[in-house]
Amino acid sequence: MGKHVLLADDDQLLASLLNFRLKKGGYEVHHSSNGREVKEYLTKQRPDIIVSDIMMPYFSGIELIDFVRNDLKLSTPIIIISSAGNEQNVLSAFELGANDFITKPVSPTELLVRVARELNK
């Protein structure tokens, strides 16, 4: 059974592309399109890694990191997806405990490499 990835992104086109590539790479993927779904999911499930857009409705990627690290007390690796020119958010993400970030446009191949790297640490 493959490692379990939680993919949190409200961009349906990008999410479906990443979902397809991650599954093809041997991962099990759960996709949530907004922060509220992510929060509900995480109260019941424990993915091996979280890939999240920084900008999401209801609950941002920043808030998600804070929730995972401080409320749930989990050390699950978190990779943040961010638009270029969003340095302040990326810094906040790292301060709160993100493990890595990748800028848009996201290369699915690069994401697969980064996911594998985090899971093999």
N, C-alpha and C. Protein backbone atom coordinates (compact mmCIF):
# COMPACT_ATOMS: atom_id res chain seq x y z
N MET A 1 0.84 -1.19 0.00
CA MET A 1 0.00 0.00 0.00
C MET A 1 0.88 1.25 0.00
N GLY A 2 0.54 2.20 -0.87
CA GLY A 2 1.35 3.40 -1.02
C GLY A 2 1.21 4.36 0.15
N LYS A 3 2.13 5.30 0.21
CA LYS A 3 2.07 6.35 1.22
C LYS A 3 0.87 7.23 0.92
N HIS A 4 0.31 7.80 1.96
CA HIS A 4 -0.92 8.56 1.87
C HIS A 4 -0.63 10.07 1.84
N VAL A 5 -1.05 10.73 0.76
CA VAL A 5 -0.84 12.17 0.59
C VAL A 5 -2.17 12.90 0.75
N LEU A 6 -2.16 13.94 1.59
CA LEU A 6 -3.31 14.84 1.65
C LEU A 6 -2.98 16.03 0.76
N LEU A 7 -3.76 16.21 -0.30
CA LEU A 7 -3.56 17.30 -1.24
C LEU A 7 -4.64 18.35 -0.99
N ALA A 8 -4.25 19.53 -0.57
CA ALA A 8 -5.20 20.59 -0.26
C ALA A 8 -5.00 21.75 -1.22
N ASP A 9 -5.92 21.90 -2.16
CA ASP A 9 -5.80 22.97 -3.16
C ASP A 9 -7.17 23.25 -3.75
N ASP A 10 -7.52 24.54 -3.84
CA ASP A 10 -8.84 24.90 -4.38
C ASP A 10 -8.81 25.09 -5.89
N ASP A 11 -7.62 25.00 -6.49
CA ASP A 11 -7.49 25.09 -7.95
C ASP A 11 -7.74 23.68 -8.51
N GLN A 12 -8.96 23.47 -9.02
CA GLN A 12 -9.37 22.11 -9.44
C GLN A 12 -8.49 21.55 -10.56
N LEU A 13 -8.08 22.40 -11.48
CA LEU A 13 -7.27 21.95 -12.60
C LEU A 13 -5.91 21.46 -12.12
N LEU A 14 -5.25 22.29 -11.31
CA LEU A 14 -3.94 21.91 -10.76
C LEU A 14 -4.08 20.68 -9.86
N ALA A 15 -5.11 20.67 -9.04
CA ALA A 15 -5.31 19.54 -8.11
C ALA A 15 -5.51 18.23 -8.87
N SER A 16 -6.28 18.27 -9.95
CA SER A 16 -6.52 17.02 -10.69
C SER A 16 -5.24 16.55 -11.38
N LEU A 17 -4.43 17.49 -11.87
CA LEU A 17 -3.15 17.13 -12.48
C LEU A 17 -2.22 16.51 -11.43
N LEU A 18 -2.09 17.16 -10.27
CA LEU A 18 -1.20 16.65 -9.23
C LEU A 18 -1.71 15.32 -8.67
N ASN A 19 -3.02 15.23 -8.52
CA ASN A 19 -3.66 14.00 -8.05
C ASN A 19 -3.30 12.84 -8.97
N PHE A 20 -3.45 13.07 -10.28
CA PHE A 20 -3.15 12.06 -11.29
C PHE A 20 -1.68 11.62 -11.21
N ARG A 21 -0.78 12.61 -11.14
CA ARG A 21 0.65 12.30 -11.13
C ARG A 21 1.08 11.61 -9.84
N LEU A 22 0.52 12.03 -8.71
CA LEU A 22 0.85 11.40 -7.43
C LEU A 22 0.38 9.94 -7.41
N LYS A 23 -0.86 9.72 -7.90
CA LYS A 23 -1.38 8.35 -7.94
C LYS A 23 -0.54 7.48 -8.87
N LYS A 24 -0.15 8.06 -10.01
CA LYS A 24 0.69 7.34 -10.96
C LYS A 24 2.05 7.02 -10.32
N GLY A 25 2.49 7.89 -9.41
CA GLY A 25 3.76 7.69 -8.71
C GLY A 25 3.65 6.69 -7.56
N GLY A 26 2.45 6.12 -7.37
CA GLY A 26 2.29 5.09 -6.35
C GLY A 26 1.73 5.56 -5.02
N TYR A 27 1.29 6.81 -4.97
CA TYR A 27 0.74 7.35 -3.72
C TYR A 27 -0.77 7.23 -3.68
N GLU A 28 -1.29 7.12 -2.47
CA GLU A 28 -2.74 7.23 -2.29
C GLU A 28 -3.00 8.69 -1.99
N VAL A 29 -3.99 9.27 -2.65
CA VAL A 29 -4.23 10.71 -2.52
C VAL A 29 -5.64 11.00 -2.03
N HIS A 30 -5.72 11.89 -1.05
CA HIS A 30 -7.02 12.43 -0.65
C HIS A 30 -6.97 13.91 -0.99
N HIS A 31 -7.91 14.38 -1.83
CA HIS A 31 -7.93 15.79 -2.21
C HIS A 31 -9.02 16.54 -1.45
N SER A 32 -8.65 17.65 -0.86
CA SER A 32 -9.62 18.57 -0.23
C SER A 32 -9.49 19.91 -0.93
N SER A 33 -10.63 20.52 -1.27
CA SER A 33 -10.57 21.77 -2.03
C SER A 33 -10.69 23.01 -1.16
N ASN A 34 -10.91 22.84 0.14
CA ASN A 34 -10.89 24.03 1.00
C ASN A 34 -10.42 23.64 2.40
N GLY A 35 -10.03 24.65 3.15
CA GLY A 35 -9.45 24.44 4.46
C GLY A 35 -10.36 23.76 5.45
N ARG A 36 -11.66 23.99 5.32
CA ARG A 36 -12.60 23.37 6.25
C ARG A 36 -12.59 21.85 6.10
N GLU A 37 -12.60 21.40 4.83
CA GLU A 37 -12.52 19.95 4.55
C GLU A 37 -11.22 19.36 5.10
N VAL A 38 -10.15 20.10 4.93
CA VAL A 38 -8.84 19.64 5.39
C VAL A 38 -8.87 19.41 6.90
N LYS A 39 -9.41 20.39 7.59
CA LYS A 39 -9.46 20.33 9.06
C LYS A 39 -10.29 19.12 9.52
N GLU A 40 -11.45 18.94 8.89
CA GLU A 40 -12.31 17.80 9.23
C GLU A 40 -11.59 16.49 8.97
N TYR A 41 -10.94 16.42 7.83
CA TYR A 41 -10.23 15.21 7.44
C TYR A 41 -9.13 14.87 8.45
N LEU A 42 -8.38 15.89 8.85
CA LEU A 42 -7.25 15.67 9.76
C LEU A 42 -7.67 15.29 11.18
N THR A 43 -8.91 15.56 11.53
CA THR A 43 -9.36 15.14 12.86
C THR A 43 -9.63 13.63 12.87
N LYS A 44 -9.79 13.03 11.67
CA LYS A 44 -10.08 11.59 11.58
C LYS A 44 -8.93 10.76 11.01
N GLN A 45 -8.14 11.36 10.11
CA GLN A 45 -7.11 10.63 9.37
C GLN A 45 -5.73 11.23 9.63
N ARG A 46 -4.70 10.40 9.42
CA ARG A 46 -3.32 10.85 9.57
C ARG A 46 -2.55 10.53 8.28
N PRO A 47 -2.48 11.49 7.36
CA PRO A 47 -1.72 11.24 6.13
C PRO A 47 -0.22 11.15 6.43
N ASP A 48 0.54 10.60 5.50
CA ASP A 48 1.99 10.53 5.67
C ASP A 48 2.65 11.86 5.34
N ILE A 49 1.97 12.64 4.48
CA ILE A 49 2.50 13.96 4.08
C ILE A 49 1.33 14.83 3.63
N ILE A 50 1.50 16.14 3.81
CA ILE A 50 0.47 17.09 3.40
C ILE A 50 1.07 18.03 2.35
N VAL A 51 0.36 18.19 1.24
CA VAL A 51 0.74 19.17 0.21
C VAL A 51 -0.41 20.17 0.16
N SER A 52 -0.12 21.43 0.47
CA SER A 52 -1.20 22.41 0.58
C SER A 52 -0.87 23.73 -0.11
N ASP A 53 -1.87 24.26 -0.80
CA ASP A 53 -1.75 25.61 -1.34
C ASP A 53 -1.78 26.57 -0.16
N ILE A 54 -1.06 27.68 -0.29
CA ILE A 54 -1.03 28.65 0.81
C ILE A 54 -2.34 29.44 0.86
N MET A 55 -2.95 29.67 -0.31
CA MET A 55 -4.20 30.43 -0.38
C MET A 55 -5.36 29.47 -0.61
N MET A 56 -6.22 29.35 0.41
CA MET A 56 -7.39 28.48 0.28
C MET A 56 -8.57 29.11 1.00
N PRO A 57 -9.79 28.80 0.53
CA PRO A 57 -10.97 29.34 1.23
C PRO A 57 -11.12 28.75 2.63
N TYR A 58 -11.65 29.52 3.54
CA TYR A 58 -12.03 29.14 4.91
C TYR A 58 -10.86 28.96 5.88
N PHE A 59 -9.73 28.49 5.39
CA PHE A 59 -8.66 28.10 6.29
C PHE A 59 -7.41 28.04 5.44
N SER A 60 -6.52 29.01 5.57
CA SER A 60 -5.37 29.09 4.66
C SER A 60 -4.32 28.03 4.96
N GLY A 61 -3.37 27.90 4.05
CA GLY A 61 -2.26 26.99 4.26
C GLY A 61 -1.48 27.33 5.52
N ILE A 62 -1.36 28.62 5.80
CA ILE A 62 -0.66 29.08 7.02
C ILE A 62 -1.39 28.58 8.25
N GLU A 63 -2.71 28.77 8.25
CA GLU A 63 -3.51 28.30 9.39
C GLU A 63 -3.47 26.78 9.51
N LEU A 64 -3.39 26.12 8.36
CA LEU A 64 -3.31 24.65 8.35
C LEU A 64 -2.03 24.18 9.05
N ILE A 65 -0.91 24.82 8.74
CA ILE A 65 0.37 24.44 9.37
C ILE A 65 0.26 24.64 10.89
N ASP A 66 -0.28 25.79 11.28
CA ASP A 66 -0.46 26.10 12.69
C ASP A 66 -1.32 25.03 13.37
N PHE A 67 -2.40 24.65 12.70
CA PHE A 67 -3.33 23.64 13.23
C PHE A 67 -2.63 22.28 13.40
N VAL A 68 -1.89 21.87 12.36
CA VAL A 68 -1.21 20.57 12.40
C VAL A 68 -0.12 20.54 13.47
N ARG A 69 0.68 21.60 13.53
CA ARG A 69 1.82 21.63 14.46
C ARG A 69 1.40 21.91 15.91
N ASN A 70 0.47 22.84 16.10
CA ASN A 70 0.16 23.28 17.46
C ASN A 70 -1.09 22.67 18.07
N ASP A 71 -2.14 22.46 17.27
CA ASP A 71 -3.36 21.86 17.81
C ASP A 71 -3.27 20.33 17.81
N LEU A 72 -2.87 19.78 16.67
CA LEU A 72 -2.78 18.31 16.56
C LEU A 72 -1.44 17.76 17.05
N LYS A 73 -0.46 18.65 17.18
CA LYS A 73 0.90 18.27 17.63
C LYS A 73 1.52 17.18 16.75
N LEU A 74 1.33 17.30 15.44
CA LEU A 74 1.86 16.31 14.50
C LEU A 74 3.13 16.82 13.83
N SER A 75 4.03 15.90 13.52
CA SER A 75 5.25 16.28 12.81
C SER A 75 5.18 15.85 11.35
N THR A 76 3.96 15.57 10.86
CA THR A 76 3.74 15.19 9.46
C THR A 76 4.42 16.21 8.54
N PRO A 77 5.20 15.76 7.56
CA PRO A 77 5.82 16.72 6.63
C PRO A 77 4.76 17.52 5.87
N ILE A 78 5.02 18.82 5.71
CA ILE A 78 4.09 19.70 4.99
C ILE A 78 4.86 20.43 3.90
N ILE A 79 4.36 20.28 2.66
CA ILE A 79 4.92 21.03 1.53
C ILE A 79 3.87 22.05 1.12
N ILE A 80 4.28 23.31 1.05
CA ILE A 80 3.37 24.41 0.71
C ILE A 80 3.54 24.79 -0.76
N ILE A 81 2.42 25.03 -1.43
CA ILE A 81 2.43 25.53 -2.81
C ILE A 81 2.10 27.02 -2.73
N SER A 82 2.93 27.85 -3.35
CA SER A 82 2.72 29.29 -3.26
C SER A 82 2.97 29.97 -4.59
N SER A 83 2.24 31.04 -4.83
CA SER A 83 2.50 31.86 -6.02
C SER A 83 3.82 32.57 -5.84
N ALA A 84 4.50 32.82 -6.95
CA ALA A 84 5.74 33.58 -6.89
C ALA A 84 5.44 34.97 -6.34
N GLY A 85 6.41 35.55 -5.67
CA GLY A 85 6.21 36.90 -5.12
C GLY A 85 5.43 36.90 -3.82
N ASN A 86 5.33 35.73 -3.20
CA ASN A 86 4.57 35.61 -1.96
C ASN A 86 5.52 35.29 -0.81
N GLU A 87 6.69 35.97 -0.82
CA GLU A 87 7.76 35.61 0.12
C GLU A 87 7.33 35.68 1.59
N GLN A 88 6.51 36.69 1.92
CA GLN A 88 6.11 36.86 3.32
C GLN A 88 5.33 35.64 3.82
N ASN A 89 4.43 35.14 2.98
CA ASN A 89 3.67 33.95 3.35
C ASN A 89 4.56 32.73 3.48
N VAL A 90 5.53 32.63 2.59
CA VAL A 90 6.45 31.49 2.63
C VAL A 90 7.27 31.53 3.91
N LEU A 91 7.73 32.72 4.29
CA LEU A 91 8.49 32.86 5.55
C LEU A 91 7.62 32.48 6.74
N SER A 92 6.38 32.94 6.74
CA SER A 92 5.45 32.59 7.82
C SER A 92 5.26 31.07 7.88
N ALA A 93 5.14 30.46 6.70
CA ALA A 93 4.93 29.01 6.62
C ALA A 93 6.10 28.27 7.25
N PHE A 94 7.32 28.70 6.93
CA PHE A 94 8.51 28.05 7.50
C PHE A 94 8.59 28.28 9.00
N GLU A 95 8.27 29.50 9.44
CA GLU A 95 8.31 29.80 10.88
C GLU A 95 7.35 28.91 11.65
N LEU A 96 6.21 28.58 11.04
CA LEU A 96 5.22 27.75 11.72
C LEU A 96 5.51 26.25 11.61
N GLY A 97 6.47 25.90 10.76
CA GLY A 97 6.86 24.49 10.71
C GLY A 97 6.67 23.77 9.39
N ALA A 98 6.49 24.52 8.28
CA ALA A 98 6.44 23.85 6.97
C ALA A 98 7.82 23.25 6.67
N ASN A 99 7.84 22.15 5.93
CA ASN A 99 9.10 21.49 5.61
C ASN A 99 9.71 21.95 4.29
N ASP A 100 8.84 22.36 3.35
CA ASP A 100 9.33 22.70 2.03
C ASP A 100 8.26 23.54 1.33
N PHE A 101 8.65 24.22 0.26
CA PHE A 101 7.64 24.90 -0.54
C PHE A 101 8.02 24.84 -2.00
N ILE A 102 7.00 24.96 -2.82
CA ILE A 102 7.18 24.88 -4.27
C ILE A 102 6.35 26.01 -4.87
N THR A 103 6.90 26.72 -5.85
CA THR A 103 6.16 27.85 -6.42
C THR A 103 5.36 27.43 -7.63
N LYS A 104 4.28 28.17 -7.87
CA LYS A 104 3.47 27.98 -9.07
C LYS A 104 4.15 28.69 -10.23
N PRO A 105 4.06 28.21 -11.44
CA PRO A 105 3.38 26.98 -11.84
C PRO A 105 4.13 25.75 -11.32
N VAL A 106 3.39 24.80 -10.76
CA VAL A 106 3.99 23.63 -10.14
C VAL A 106 4.34 22.59 -11.20
N SER A 107 5.57 22.11 -11.13
CA SER A 107 5.97 21.00 -11.98
C SER A 107 5.62 19.72 -11.22
N PRO A 108 4.71 18.89 -11.76
CA PRO A 108 4.34 17.65 -11.06
C PRO A 108 5.55 16.75 -10.79
N THR A 109 6.50 16.74 -11.71
CA THR A 109 7.70 15.92 -11.53
C THR A 109 8.50 16.41 -10.34
N GLU A 110 8.65 17.73 -10.24
CA GLU A 110 9.39 18.31 -9.11
C GLU A 110 8.67 18.02 -7.79
N LEU A 111 7.34 18.12 -7.82
CA LEU A 111 6.58 17.84 -6.61
C LEU A 111 6.79 16.39 -6.15
N LEU A 112 6.77 15.45 -7.10
CA LEU A 112 7.00 14.04 -6.77
C LEU A 112 8.37 13.84 -6.12
N VAL A 113 9.37 14.53 -6.65
CA VAL A 113 10.73 14.43 -6.10
C VAL A 113 10.75 14.98 -4.66
N ARG A 114 10.09 16.12 -4.46
CA ARG A 114 10.08 16.73 -3.12
C ARG A 114 9.29 15.89 -2.11
N VAL A 115 8.18 15.32 -2.55
CA VAL A 115 7.38 14.45 -1.67
C VAL A 115 8.23 13.24 -1.26
N ALA A 116 8.86 12.61 -2.24
CA ALA A 116 9.70 11.43 -1.96
C ALA A 116 10.82 11.79 -1.00
N ARG A 117 11.43 12.96 -1.20
CA ARG A 117 12.54 13.39 -0.34
C ARG A 117 12.07 13.57 1.11
N GLU A 118 10.92 14.21 1.29
CA GLU A 118 10.39 14.40 2.65
C GLU A 118 10.05 13.07 3.32
N LEU A 119 9.48 12.15 2.55
CA LEU A 119 9.06 10.87 3.13
C LEU A 119 10.24 9.95 3.43
N ASN A 120 11.37 10.21 2.78
CA ASN A 120 12.55 9.35 3.00
C ASN A 120 13.50 9.89 4.06
N LYS A 121 13.14 10.99 4.69
CA LYS A 121 14.05 11.57 5.71
C LYS A 121 14.06 10.70 6.94
